[in-house]
Amino acid sequence: EAEVSIVAGRAIGLVAPASSLVRQGDKMGVMLVRDGRTQFQPVKTGVSQGSEVIVTEGLRQGESVITQPRNVRAGERVRPVMEKR
């Protein structure tokens, strides 16, 4: 009988829903809500697991991200609704 632990590495960044990622041209990013309007924010991502991805650059803690940005364009007026988890 044996107990084994394997640490494969650590990722540092913010966790975001993978569904929030969008592509504009050759850039990957997310749609943020700033001052009641949408804004495309380029990001760099790291590892993903299931429905979540680590954002390593381009996103700050506390920023509002649109989790399902299909058909959302930059500059649109929106009203944030908090998701229940």
PDB file of N, CA and C in Angstrom:
ATOM      1  N   GLU A   1       0.845  -1.168   0.000  1.00  0.00           N
ATOM      2  CA  GLU A   1       0.000   0.000   0.000  1.00  0.00           C
ATOM      3  C   GLU A   1       0.891   1.232   0.000  1.00  0.00           C
ATOM      4  N   ALA A   2       0.528   2.235  -0.811  1.00  0.00           N
ATOM      5  CA  ALA A   2       1.336   3.455  -0.878  1.00  0.00           C
ATOM      6  C   ALA A   2       0.443   4.655  -1.150  1.00  0.00           C
ATOM      7  N   GLU A   3       0.880   5.784  -0.667  1.00  0.00           N
ATOM      8  CA  GLU A   3       0.183   7.043  -0.954  1.00  0.00           C
ATOM      9  C   GLU A   3       1.152   7.910  -1.739  1.00  0.00           C
ATOM     10  N   VAL A   4       0.706   8.387  -2.897  1.00  0.00           N
ATOM     11  CA  VAL A   4       1.584   9.149  -3.770  1.00  0.00           C
ATOM     12  C   VAL A   4       0.950  10.489  -4.097  1.00  0.00           C
ATOM     13  N   SER A   5       1.736  11.560  -4.044  1.00  0.00           N
ATOM     14  CA  SER A   5       1.302  12.888  -4.466  1.00  0.00           C
ATOM     15  C   SER A   5       2.230  13.367  -5.561  1.00  0.00           C
ATOM     16  N   ILE A   6       1.662  13.850  -6.650  1.00  0.00           N
ATOM     17  CA  ILE A   6       2.466  14.377  -7.749  1.00  0.00           C
ATOM     18  C   ILE A   6       2.067  15.822  -7.979  1.00  0.00           C
ATOM     19  N   VAL A   7       3.036  16.710  -7.854  1.00  0.00           N
ATOM     20  CA  VAL A   7       2.793  18.121  -8.134  1.00  0.00           C
ATOM     21  C   VAL A   7       3.305  18.379  -9.542  1.00  0.00           C
ATOM     22  N   ALA A   8       2.403  18.723 -10.441  1.00  0.00           N
ATOM     23  CA  ALA A   8       2.771  18.905 -11.843  1.00  0.00           C
ATOM     24  C   ALA A   8       3.162  20.347 -12.155  1.00  0.00           C
ATOM     25  N   GLY A   9       3.025  21.233 -11.209  1.00  0.00           N
ATOM     26  CA  GLY A   9       3.371  22.628 -11.422  1.00  0.00           C
ATOM     27  C   GLY A   9       2.285  23.521 -10.856  1.00  0.00           C
ATOM     28  N   ARG A  10       2.547  24.785 -10.886  1.00  0.00           N
ATOM     29  CA  ARG A  10       1.574  25.742 -10.376  1.00  0.00           C
ATOM     30  C   ARG A  10       1.373  26.828 -11.404  1.00  0.00           C
ATOM     31  N   ALA A  11       0.156  27.288 -11.501  1.00  0.00           N
ATOM     32  CA  ALA A  11      -0.167  28.383 -12.419  1.00  0.00           C
ATOM     33  C   ALA A  11      -0.600  29.579 -11.593  1.00  0.00           C
ATOM     34  N   ILE A  12      -0.108  30.740 -11.971  1.00  0.00           N
ATOM     35  CA  ILE A  12      -0.461  31.956 -11.255  1.00  0.00           C
ATOM     36  C   ILE A  12      -1.251  32.849 -12.189  1.00  0.00           C
ATOM     37  N   GLY A  13      -2.398  33.292 -11.713  1.00  0.00           N
ATOM     38  CA  GLY A  13      -3.248  34.174 -12.510  1.00  0.00           C
ATOM     39  C   GLY A  13      -4.656  34.157 -11.949  1.00  0.00           C
ATOM     40  N   LEU A  14      -5.553  34.755 -12.671  1.00  0.00           N
ATOM     41  CA  LEU A  14      -6.960  34.773 -12.278  1.00  0.00           C
ATOM     42  C   LEU A  14      -7.706  33.683 -13.021  1.00  0.00           C
ATOM     43  N   VAL A  15      -8.684  33.099 -12.379  1.00  0.00           N
ATOM     44  CA  VAL A  15      -9.500  32.059 -13.000  1.00  0.00           C
ATOM     45  C   VAL A  15     -10.714  32.718 -13.632  1.00  0.00           C
ATOM     46  N   ALA A  16     -10.945  32.397 -14.907  1.00  0.00           N
ATOM     47  CA  ALA A  16     -12.101  32.928 -15.635  1.00  0.00           C
ATOM     48  C   ALA A  16     -12.812  31.783 -16.333  1.00  0.00           C
ATOM     49  N   PRO A  17     -14.115  31.922 -16.586  1.00  0.00           N
ATOM     50  CA  PRO A  17     -14.808  30.886 -17.357  1.00  0.00           C
ATOM     51  C   PRO A  17     -14.222  30.815 -18.769  1.00  0.00           C
ATOM     52  N   ALA A  18     -13.972  29.621 -19.256  1.00  0.00           N
ATOM     53  CA  ALA A  18     -13.460  29.461 -20.620  1.00  0.00           C
ATOM     54  C   ALA A  18     -14.442  30.046 -21.630  1.00  0.00           C
ATOM     55  N   SER A  19     -15.725  30.047 -21.295  1.00  0.00           N
ATOM     56  CA  SER A  19     -16.753  30.582 -22.197  1.00  0.00           C
ATOM     57  C   SER A  19     -16.631  32.093 -22.372  1.00  0.00           C
ATOM     58  N   SER A  20     -15.853  32.765 -21.523  1.00  0.00           N
ATOM     59  CA  SER A  20     -15.712  34.217 -21.626  1.00  0.00           C
ATOM     60  C   SER A  20     -14.674  34.630 -22.677  1.00  0.00           C
ATOM     61  N   LEU A  21     -13.881  33.685 -23.159  1.00  0.00           N
ATOM     62  CA  LEU A  21     -12.842  34.009 -24.137  1.00  0.00           C
ATOM     63  C   LEU A  21     -13.437  34.251 -25.520  1.00  0.00           C
ATOM     64  N   VAL A  22     -12.971  35.315 -26.172  1.00  0.00           N
ATOM     65  CA  VAL A  22     -13.389  35.632 -27.541  1.00  0.00           C
ATOM     66  C   VAL A  22     -12.147  35.985 -28.347  1.00  0.00           C
ATOM     67  N   ARG A  23     -12.261  35.855 -29.645  1.00  0.00           N
ATOM     68  CA  ARG A  23     -11.154  36.192 -30.525  1.00  0.00           C
ATOM     69  C   ARG A  23     -11.553  37.388 -31.374  1.00  0.00           C
ATOM     70  N   GLN A  24     -10.673  38.371 -31.434  1.00  0.00           N
ATOM     71  CA  GLN A  24     -10.847  39.512 -32.334  1.00  0.00           C
ATOM     72  C   GLN A  24      -9.597  39.573 -33.195  1.00  0.00           C
ATOM     73  N   GLY A  25      -9.763  39.249 -34.471  1.00  0.00           N
ATOM     74  CA  GLY A  25      -8.596  39.161 -35.353  1.00  0.00           C
ATOM     75  C   GLY A  25      -7.677  38.065 -34.875  1.00  0.00           C
ATOM     76  N   ASP A  26      -6.431  38.412 -34.609  1.00  0.00           N
ATOM     77  CA  ASP A  26      -5.476  37.416 -34.137  1.00  0.00           C
ATOM     78  C   ASP A  26      -5.266  37.473 -32.622  1.00  0.00           C
ATOM     79  N   LYS A  27      -6.113  38.244 -31.919  1.00  0.00           N
ATOM     80  CA  LYS A  27      -5.968  38.388 -30.465  1.00  0.00           C
ATOM     81  C   LYS A  27      -7.065  37.658 -29.709  1.00  0.00           C
ATOM     82  N   MET A  28      -6.664  36.982 -28.632  1.00  0.00           N
ATOM     83  CA  MET A  28      -7.599  36.338 -27.717  1.00  0.00           C
ATOM     84  C   MET A  28      -7.848  37.315 -26.582  1.00  0.00           C
ATOM     85  N   GLY A  29      -9.086  37.387 -26.127  1.00  0.00           N
ATOM     86  CA  GLY A  29      -9.389  38.298 -25.036  1.00  0.00           C
ATOM     87  C   GLY A  29     -10.725  38.007 -24.401  1.00  0.00           C
ATOM     88  N   VAL A  30     -11.172  38.935 -23.591  1.00  0.00           N
ATOM     89  CA  VAL A  30     -12.469  38.854 -22.926  1.00  0.00           C
ATOM     90  C   VAL A  30     -13.197  40.177 -23.146  1.00  0.00           C
ATOM     91  N   MET A  31     -14.500  40.156 -22.958  1.00  0.00           N
ATOM     92  CA  MET A  31     -15.283  41.380 -22.998  1.00  0.00           C
ATOM     93  C   MET A  31     -15.502  41.825 -21.560  1.00  0.00           C
ATOM     94  N   LEU A  32     -15.013  43.017 -21.244  1.00  0.00           N
ATOM     95  CA  LEU A  32     -15.192  43.600 -19.926  1.00  0.00           C
ATOM     96  C   LEU A  32     -16.348  44.580 -19.956  1.00  0.00           C
ATOM     97  N   VAL A  33     -16.854  44.906 -18.767  1.00  0.00           N
ATOM     98  CA  VAL A  33     -17.841  45.973 -18.630  1.00  0.00           C
ATOM     99  C   VAL A  33     -17.164  47.087 -17.858  1.00  0.00           C
ATOM    100  N   ARG A  34     -17.031  48.247 -18.524  1.00  0.00           N
ATOM    101  CA  ARG A  34     -16.438  49.426 -17.893  1.00  0.00           C
ATOM    102  C   ARG A  34     -17.339  50.620 -18.163  1.00  0.00           C
ATOM    103  N   ASP A  35     -17.740  51.279 -17.113  1.00  0.00           N
ATOM    104  CA  ASP A  35     -18.600  52.463 -17.228  1.00  0.00           C
ATOM    105  C   ASP A  35     -19.863  52.173 -18.032  1.00  0.00           C
ATOM    106  N   GLY A  36     -20.428  50.966 -17.846  1.00  0.00           N
ATOM    107  CA  GLY A  36     -21.695  50.610 -18.490  1.00  0.00           C
ATOM    108  C   GLY A  36     -21.588  50.213 -19.945  1.00  0.00           C
ATOM    109  N   ARG A  37     -20.375  50.085 -20.457  1.00  0.00           N
ATOM    110  CA  ARG A  37     -20.178  49.694 -21.860  1.00  0.00           C
ATOM    111  C   ARG A  37     -19.195  48.531 -21.942  1.00  0.00           C
ATOM    112  N   THR A  38     -19.347  47.752 -23.006  1.00  0.00           N
ATOM    113  CA  THR A  38     -18.448  46.623 -23.212  1.00  0.00           C
ATOM    114  C   THR A  38     -17.141  47.098 -23.825  1.00  0.00           C
ATOM    115  N   GLN A  39     -16.077  46.384 -23.490  1.00  0.00           N
ATOM    116  CA  GLN A  39     -14.753  46.714 -24.006  1.00  0.00           C
ATOM    117  C   GLN A  39     -13.972  45.423 -24.196  1.00  0.00           C
ATOM    118  N   PHE A  40     -13.400  45.227 -25.380  1.00  0.00           N
ATOM    119  CA  PHE A  40     -12.544  44.068 -25.618  1.00  0.00           C
ATOM    120  C   PHE A  40     -11.220  44.275 -24.905  1.00  0.00           C
ATOM    121  N   GLN A  41     -10.794  43.270 -24.151  1.00  0.00           N
ATOM    122  CA  GLN A  41      -9.527  43.325 -23.428  1.00  0.00           C
ATOM    123  C   GLN A  41      -8.683  42.120 -23.821  1.00  0.00           C
ATOM    124  N   PRO A  42      -7.572  42.335 -24.543  1.00  0.00           N
ATOM    125  CA  PRO A  42      -6.696  41.206 -24.875  1.00  0.00           C
ATOM    126  C   PRO A  42      -6.125  40.580 -23.602  1.00  0.00           C
ATOM    127  N   VAL A  43      -6.027  39.260 -23.589  1.00  0.00           N
ATOM    128  CA  VAL A  43      -5.463  38.549 -22.444  1.00  0.00           C
ATOM    129  C   VAL A  43      -4.532  37.450 -22.916  1.00  0.00           C
ATOM    130  N   LYS A  44      -3.690  37.005 -22.013  1.00  0.00           N
ATOM    131  CA  LYS A  44      -2.880  35.803 -22.234  1.00  0.00           C
ATOM    132  C   LYS A  44      -3.386  34.763 -21.257  1.00  0.00           C
ATOM    133  N   THR A  45      -3.513  33.543 -21.740  1.00  0.00           N
ATOM    134  CA  THR A  45      -4.041  32.484 -20.889  1.00  0.00           C
ATOM    135  C   THR A  45      -2.974  31.429 -20.619  1.00  0.00           C
ATOM    136  N   GLY A  46      -3.209  30.713 -19.548  1.00  0.00           N
ATOM    137  CA  GLY A  46      -2.330  29.610 -19.180  1.00  0.00           C
ATOM    138  C   GLY A  46      -3.100  28.307 -19.283  1.00  0.00           C
ATOM    139  N   VAL A  47      -2.986  27.511 -18.264  1.00  0.00           N
ATOM    140  CA  VAL A  47      -3.625  26.198 -18.263  1.00  0.00           C
ATOM    141  C   VAL A  47      -5.137  26.329 -18.115  1.00  0.00           C
ATOM    142  N   SER A  48      -5.833  25.326 -18.597  1.00  0.00           N
ATOM    143  CA  SER A  48      -7.285  25.279 -18.414  1.00  0.00           C
ATOM    144  C   SER A  48      -7.656  23.921 -17.854  1.00  0.00           C
ATOM    145  N   GLN A  49      -8.756  23.918 -17.132  1.00  0.00           N
ATOM    146  CA  GLN A  49      -9.264  22.670 -16.577  1.00  0.00           C
ATOM    147  C   GLN A  49     -10.774  22.728 -16.639  1.00  0.00           C
ATOM    148  N   GLY A  50     -11.339  21.862 -17.420  1.00  0.00           N
ATOM    149  CA  GLY A  50     -12.793  21.843 -17.552  1.00  0.00           C
ATOM    150  C   GLY A  50     -13.296  23.139 -18.132  1.00  0.00           C
ATOM    151  N   SER A  51     -14.155  23.803 -17.410  1.00  0.00           N
ATOM    152  CA  SER A  51     -14.786  25.025 -17.907  1.00  0.00           C
ATOM    153  C   SER A  51     -14.091  26.294 -17.427  1.00  0.00           C
ATOM    154  N   GLU A  52     -12.881  26.168 -16.872  1.00  0.00           N
ATOM    155  CA  GLU A  52     -12.164  27.337 -16.352  1.00  0.00           C
ATOM    156  C   GLU A  52     -10.784  27.442 -16.980  1.00  0.00           C
ATOM    157  N   VAL A  53     -10.297  28.667 -17.077  1.00  0.00           N
ATOM    158  CA  VAL A  53      -8.976  28.923 -17.649  1.00  0.00           C
ATOM    159  C   VAL A  53      -8.255  29.942 -16.763  1.00  0.00           C
ATOM    160  N   ILE A  54      -6.938  29.809 -16.684  1.00  0.00           N
ATOM    161  CA  ILE A  54      -6.128  30.774 -15.939  1.00  0.00           C
ATOM    162  C   ILE A  54      -5.764  31.915 -16.895  1.00  0.00           C
ATOM    163  N   VAL A  55      -6.044  33.149 -16.485  1.00  0.00           N
ATOM    164  CA  VAL A  55      -5.640  34.327 -17.247  1.00  0.00           C
ATOM    165  C   VAL A  55      -4.377  34.865 -16.586  1.00  0.00           C
ATOM    166  N   THR A  56      -3.270  34.822 -17.314  1.00  0.00           N
ATOM    167  CA  THR A  56      -1.981  35.204 -16.745  1.00  0.00           C
ATOM    168  C   THR A  56      -1.647  36.679 -16.955  1.00  0.00           C
ATOM    169  N   GLU A  57      -2.240  37.302 -17.972  1.00  0.00           N
ATOM    170  CA  GLU A  57      -1.987  38.727 -18.239  1.00  0.00           C
ATOM    171  C   GLU A  57      -3.231  39.360 -18.843  1.00  0.00           C
ATOM    172  N   GLY A  58      -3.441  40.637 -18.514  1.00  0.00           N
ATOM    173  CA  GLY A  58      -4.494  41.407 -19.159  1.00  0.00           C
ATOM    174  C   GLY A  58      -5.778  41.569 -18.372  1.00  0.00           C
ATOM    175  N   LEU A  59      -5.874  40.920 -17.224  1.00  0.00           N
ATOM    176  CA  LEU A  59      -7.092  40.983 -16.426  1.00  0.00           C
ATOM    177  C   LEU A  59      -6.715  41.244 -14.977  1.00  0.00           C
ATOM    178  N   ARG A  60      -7.462  42.156 -14.336  1.00  0.00           N
ATOM    179  CA  ARG A  60      -7.207  42.460 -12.923  1.00  0.00           C
ATOM    180  C   ARG A  60      -8.352  41.931 -12.071  1.00  0.00           C
ATOM    181  N   GLN A  61      -8.023  41.581 -10.858  1.00  0.00           N
ATOM    182  CA  GLN A  61      -9.019  41.096  -9.913  1.00  0.00           C
ATOM    183  C   GLN A  61     -10.103  42.153  -9.738  1.00  0.00           C
ATOM    184  N   GLY A  62     -11.362  41.715  -9.768  1.00  0.00           N
ATOM    185  CA  GLY A  62     -12.485  42.611  -9.552  1.00  0.00           C
ATOM    186  C   GLY A  62     -13.099  43.169 -10.820  1.00  0.00           C
ATOM    187  N   GLU A  63     -12.450  42.971 -11.978  1.00  0.00           N
ATOM    188  CA  GLU A  63     -13.032  43.471 -13.223  1.00  0.00           C
ATOM    189  C   GLU A  63     -14.227  42.604 -13.617  1.00  0.00           C
ATOM    190  N   SER A  64     -15.233  43.225 -14.215  1.00  0.00           N
ATOM    191  CA  SER A  64     -16.451  42.516 -14.628  1.00  0.00           C
ATOM    192  C   SER A  64     -16.270  41.954 -16.025  1.00  0.00           C
ATOM    193  N   VAL A  65     -16.365  40.633 -16.131  1.00  0.00           N
ATOM    194  CA  VAL A  65     -16.180  39.923 -17.393  1.00  0.00           C
ATOM    195  C   VAL A  65     -17.528  39.365 -17.850  1.00  0.00           C
ATOM    196  N   ILE A  66     -17.831  39.509 -19.131  1.00  0.00           N
ATOM    197  CA  ILE A  66     -19.049  38.907 -19.687  1.00  0.00           C
ATOM    198  C   ILE A  66     -18.760  37.434 -19.903  1.00  0.00           C
ATOM    199  N   THR A  67     -19.541  36.573 -19.255  1.00  0.00           N
ATOM    200  CA  THR A  67     -19.256  35.137 -19.285  1.00  0.00           C
ATOM    201  C   THR A  67     -19.743  34.445 -20.555  1.00  0.00           C
ATOM    202  N   GLN A  68     -20.730  34.997 -21.217  1.00  0.00           N
ATOM    203  CA  GLN A  68     -21.255  34.440 -22.475  1.00  0.00           C
ATOM    204  C   GLN A  68     -21.298  35.569 -23.508  1.00  0.00           C
ATOM    205  N   PRO A  69     -20.143  35.937 -24.089  1.00  0.00           N
ATOM    206  CA  PRO A  69     -20.087  37.135 -24.929  1.00  0.00           C
ATOM    207  C   PRO A  69     -20.501  36.953 -26.389  1.00  0.00           C
ATOM    208  N   ARG A  70     -21.186  35.871 -26.725  1.00  0.00           N
ATOM    209  CA  ARG A  70     -21.623  35.681 -28.114  1.00  0.00           C
ATOM    210  C   ARG A  70     -22.458  36.863 -28.573  1.00  0.00           C
ATOM    211  N   ASN A  71     -22.164  37.363 -29.759  1.00  0.00           N
ATOM    212  CA  ASN A  71     -22.905  38.470 -30.371  1.00  0.00           C
ATOM    213  C   ASN A  71     -22.796  39.782 -29.604  1.00  0.00           C
ATOM    214  N   VAL A  72     -21.820  39.912 -28.724  1.00  0.00           N
ATOM    215  CA  VAL A  72     -21.599  41.163 -27.996  1.00  0.00           C
ATOM    216  C   VAL A  72     -20.436  41.878 -28.672  1.00  0.00           C
ATOM    217  N   ARG A  73     -20.624  43.144 -28.980  1.00  0.00           N
ATOM    218  CA  ARG A  73     -19.575  43.934 -29.620  1.00  0.00           C
ATOM    219  C   ARG A  73     -19.053  44.990 -28.656  1.00  0.00           C
ATOM    220  N   ALA A  74     -17.824  45.387 -28.866  1.00  0.00           N
ATOM    221  CA  ALA A  74     -17.229  46.439 -28.038  1.00  0.00           C
ATOM    222  C   ALA A  74     -18.014  47.734 -28.206  1.00  0.00           C
ATOM    223  N   GLY A  75     -18.219  48.434 -27.104  1.00  0.00           N
ATOM    224  CA  GLY A  75     -18.918  49.714 -27.118  1.00  0.00           C
ATOM    225  C   GLY A  75     -20.402  49.638 -26.847  1.00  0.00           C
ATOM    226  N   GLU A  76     -20.957  48.426 -26.746  1.00  0.00           N
ATOM    227  CA  GLU A  76     -22.391  48.290 -26.467  1.00  0.00           C
ATOM    228  C   GLU A  76     -22.682  48.659 -25.017  1.00  0.00           C
ATOM    229  N   ARG A  77     -23.832  49.281 -24.804  1.00  0.00           N
ATOM    230  CA  ARG A  77     -24.262  49.614 -23.444  1.00  0.00           C
ATOM    231  C   ARG A  77     -24.865  48.354 -22.820  1.00  0.00           C
ATOM    232  N   VAL A  78     -24.429  48.042 -21.603  1.00  0.00           N
ATOM    233  CA  VAL A  78     -24.922  46.856 -20.891  1.00  0.00           C
ATOM    234  C   VAL A  78     -25.160  47.198 -19.437  1.00  0.00           C
ATOM    235  N   ARG A  79     -25.907  46.328 -18.796  1.00  0.00           N
ATOM    236  CA  ARG A  79     -26.154  46.442 -17.354  1.00  0.00           C
ATOM    237  C   ARG A  79     -25.720  45.131 -16.738  1.00  0.00           C
ATOM    238  N   PRO A  80     -24.721  45.167 -15.849  1.00  0.00           N
ATOM    239  CA  PRO A  80     -24.209  43.917 -15.257  1.00  0.00           C
ATOM    240  C   PRO A  80     -25.264  43.190 -14.415  1.00  0.00           C
ATOM    241  N   VAL A  81     -25.253  41.883 -14.490  1.00  0.00           N
ATOM    242  CA  VAL A  81     -26.088  41.019 -13.660  1.00  0.00           C
ATOM    243  C   VAL A  81     -25.148  39.994 -13.045  1.00  0.00           C
ATOM    244  N   MET A  82     -25.150  39.904 -11.745  1.00  0.00           N
ATOM    245  CA  MET A  82     -24.258  38.977 -11.060  1.00  0.00           C
ATOM    246  C   MET A  82     -24.769  37.552 -11.215  1.00  0.00           C
ATOM    247  N   GLU A  83     -23.843  36.638 -11.521  1.00  0.00           N
ATOM    248  CA  GLU A  83     -24.160  35.220 -11.659  1.00  0.00           C
ATOM    249  C   GLU A  83     -24.155  34.574 -10.295  1.00  0.00           C
ATOM    250  N   LYS A  84     -25.102  33.689 -10.056  1.00  0.00           N
ATOM    251  CA  LYS A  84     -25.102  32.928  -8.800  1.00  0.00           C
ATOM    252  C   LYS A  84     -24.303  31.671  -9.014  1.00  0.00           C
ATOM    253  N   ARG A  85     -23.446  31.370  -8.075  1.00  0.00           N
ATOM    254  CA  ARG A  85     -22.620  30.145  -8.161  1.00  0.00           C
ATOM    255  C   ARG A  85     -22.912  29.246  -7.023  1.00  0.00           C
TER     256      ARG A  85
END
